[in-house]
C-alpha atoms as a PDB file:
ATOM      1  CA  MET A   1      -8.930  17.542 -10.676  1.00  0.00           C
ATOM      2  CA  LYS A   2      -9.290  17.853  -6.910  1.00  0.00           C
ATOM      3  CA  TYR A   3     -12.443  16.321  -5.414  1.00  0.00           C
ATOM      4  CA  THR A   4     -13.884  17.210  -2.031  1.00  0.00           C
ATOM      5  CA  ARG A   5     -13.926  14.413   0.503  1.00  0.00           C
ATOM      6  CA  TYR A   6     -17.698  14.152  -0.004  1.00  0.00           C
ATOM      7  CA  GLU A   7     -17.356  13.770  -3.720  1.00  0.00           C
ATOM      8  CA  ARG A   8     -14.618  11.165  -3.236  1.00  0.00           C
ATOM      9  CA  ALA A   9     -16.797   9.141  -0.808  1.00  0.00           C
ATOM     10  CA  ARG A  10     -19.774   9.273  -3.255  1.00  0.00           C
ATOM     11  CA  ILE A  11     -17.685   8.251  -6.251  1.00  0.00           C
ATOM     12  CA  VAL A  12     -15.934   5.381  -4.440  1.00  0.00           C
ATOM     13  CA  GLY A  13     -19.204   4.195  -2.779  1.00  0.00           C
ATOM     14  CA  ALA A  14     -21.053   4.207  -6.115  1.00  0.00           C
ATOM     15  CA  ARG A  15     -18.232   2.390  -7.864  1.00  0.00           C
ATOM     16  CA  ALA A  16     -18.014  -0.217  -5.077  1.00  0.00           C
ATOM     17  CA  LEU A  17     -21.699  -0.895  -5.479  1.00  0.00           C
ATOM     18  CA  GLN A  18     -21.228  -1.362  -9.243  1.00  0.00           C
ATOM     19  CA  VAL A  19     -18.344  -3.774  -8.692  1.00  0.00           C
ATOM     20  CA  SER A  20     -20.345  -5.784  -6.122  1.00  0.00           C
ATOM     21  CA  MET A  21     -23.179  -6.062  -8.652  1.00  0.00           C
ATOM     22  CA  GLY A  22     -20.859  -7.598 -11.263  1.00  0.00           C
ATOM     23  CA  ALA A  23     -19.408  -4.613 -13.171  1.00  0.00           C
ATOM     24  CA  PRO A  24     -16.016  -5.284 -14.764  1.00  0.00           C
ATOM     25  CA  VAL A  25     -12.987  -4.320 -12.749  1.00  0.00           C
ATOM     26  CA  LEU A  26     -10.882  -1.657 -14.467  1.00  0.00           C
ATOM     27  CA  VAL A  27      -7.534  -2.377 -12.708  1.00  0.00           C
ATOM     28  CA  LYS A  28      -5.539  -5.487 -12.204  1.00  0.00           C
ATOM     29  CA  THR A  29      -5.722  -6.454  -8.578  1.00  0.00           C
ATOM     30  CA  ALA A  30      -5.760  -9.484  -6.315  1.00  0.00           C
ATOM     31  CA  LYS A  31      -8.243  -7.945  -3.949  1.00  0.00           C
ATOM     32  CA  ILE A  32     -11.778  -9.225  -3.760  1.00  0.00           C
ATOM     33  CA  ASP A  33     -13.492  -6.589  -1.543  1.00  0.00           C
ATOM     34  CA  PRO A  34     -15.440  -4.211  -3.791  1.00  0.00           C
ATOM     35  CA  LEU A  35     -14.570  -1.187  -1.662  1.00  0.00           C
ATOM     36  CA  GLU A  36     -10.852  -1.865  -1.862  1.00  0.00           C
ATOM     37  CA  ILE A  37     -11.139  -2.442  -5.636  1.00  0.00           C
ATOM     38  CA  ALA A  38     -13.049   0.864  -6.050  1.00  0.00           C
ATOM     39  CA  LEU A  39     -10.388   2.736  -3.981  1.00  0.00           C
ATOM     40  CA  GLU A  40      -7.665   1.264  -6.230  1.00  0.00           C
ATOM     41  CA  GLU A  41      -9.553   2.325  -9.325  1.00  0.00           C
ATOM     42  CA  PHE A  42     -10.023   5.873  -7.884  1.00  0.00           C
ATOM     43  CA  ASP A  43      -6.324   6.186  -7.042  1.00  0.00           C
ATOM     44  CA  ALA A  44      -5.443   4.980 -10.575  1.00  0.00           C
ATOM     45  CA  ASP A  45      -7.909   7.571 -12.013  1.00  0.00           C
ATOM     46  CA  ARG A  46      -9.883   4.823 -13.796  1.00  0.00           C
ATOM     47  CA  VAL A  47     -13.404   5.338 -12.320  1.00  0.00           C
ATOM     48  CA  PRO A  48     -15.912   6.087 -15.078  1.00  0.00           C
ATOM     49  CA  ILE A  49     -17.946   8.526 -13.031  1.00  0.00           C
ATOM     50  CA  THR A  50     -18.176  12.324 -13.495  1.00  0.00           C
ATOM     51  CA  VAL A  51     -19.129  15.056 -11.071  1.00  0.00           C
ATOM     52  CA  LYS A  52     -21.270  18.067 -11.870  1.00  0.00           C
ATOM     53  CA  ARG A  53     -20.767  21.207  -9.748  1.00  0.00           C
ATOM     54  CA  THR A  54     -23.021  24.254  -9.959  1.00  0.00           C
ATOM     55  CA  ILE A  55     -21.264  27.487  -9.274  1.00  0.00           C
ATOM     56  CA  GLY A  56     -23.671  30.423  -9.553  1.00  0.00           C
ATOM     57  CA  HIS A  57     -25.267  29.987 -12.967  1.00  0.00           C
ATOM     58  CA  LYS A  58     -22.401  28.006 -14.366  1.00  0.00           C
ATOM     59  CA  VAL A  59     -22.298  24.131 -14.381  1.00  0.00           C
ATOM     60  CA  GLU A  60     -18.812  22.667 -14.178  1.00  0.00           C
ATOM     61  CA  VAL A  61     -18.368  18.998 -15.165  1.00  0.00           C
ATOM     62  CA  LEU A  62     -15.259  17.348 -13.735  1.00  0.00           C
END
């Protein structure tokens, strides 16, 4: 699924916060910066966050 740049920023930012607060890392990496880890997880499609879009009266869950 294609995310907008705003959705991507929100997902990566939220995941980086989770990692910085001690959430388990979902990819093998040598990096220690939570933002870099979150970006790796996003690129590997391993981020456990969904996006809801409202289009008219229809709600789309990505």
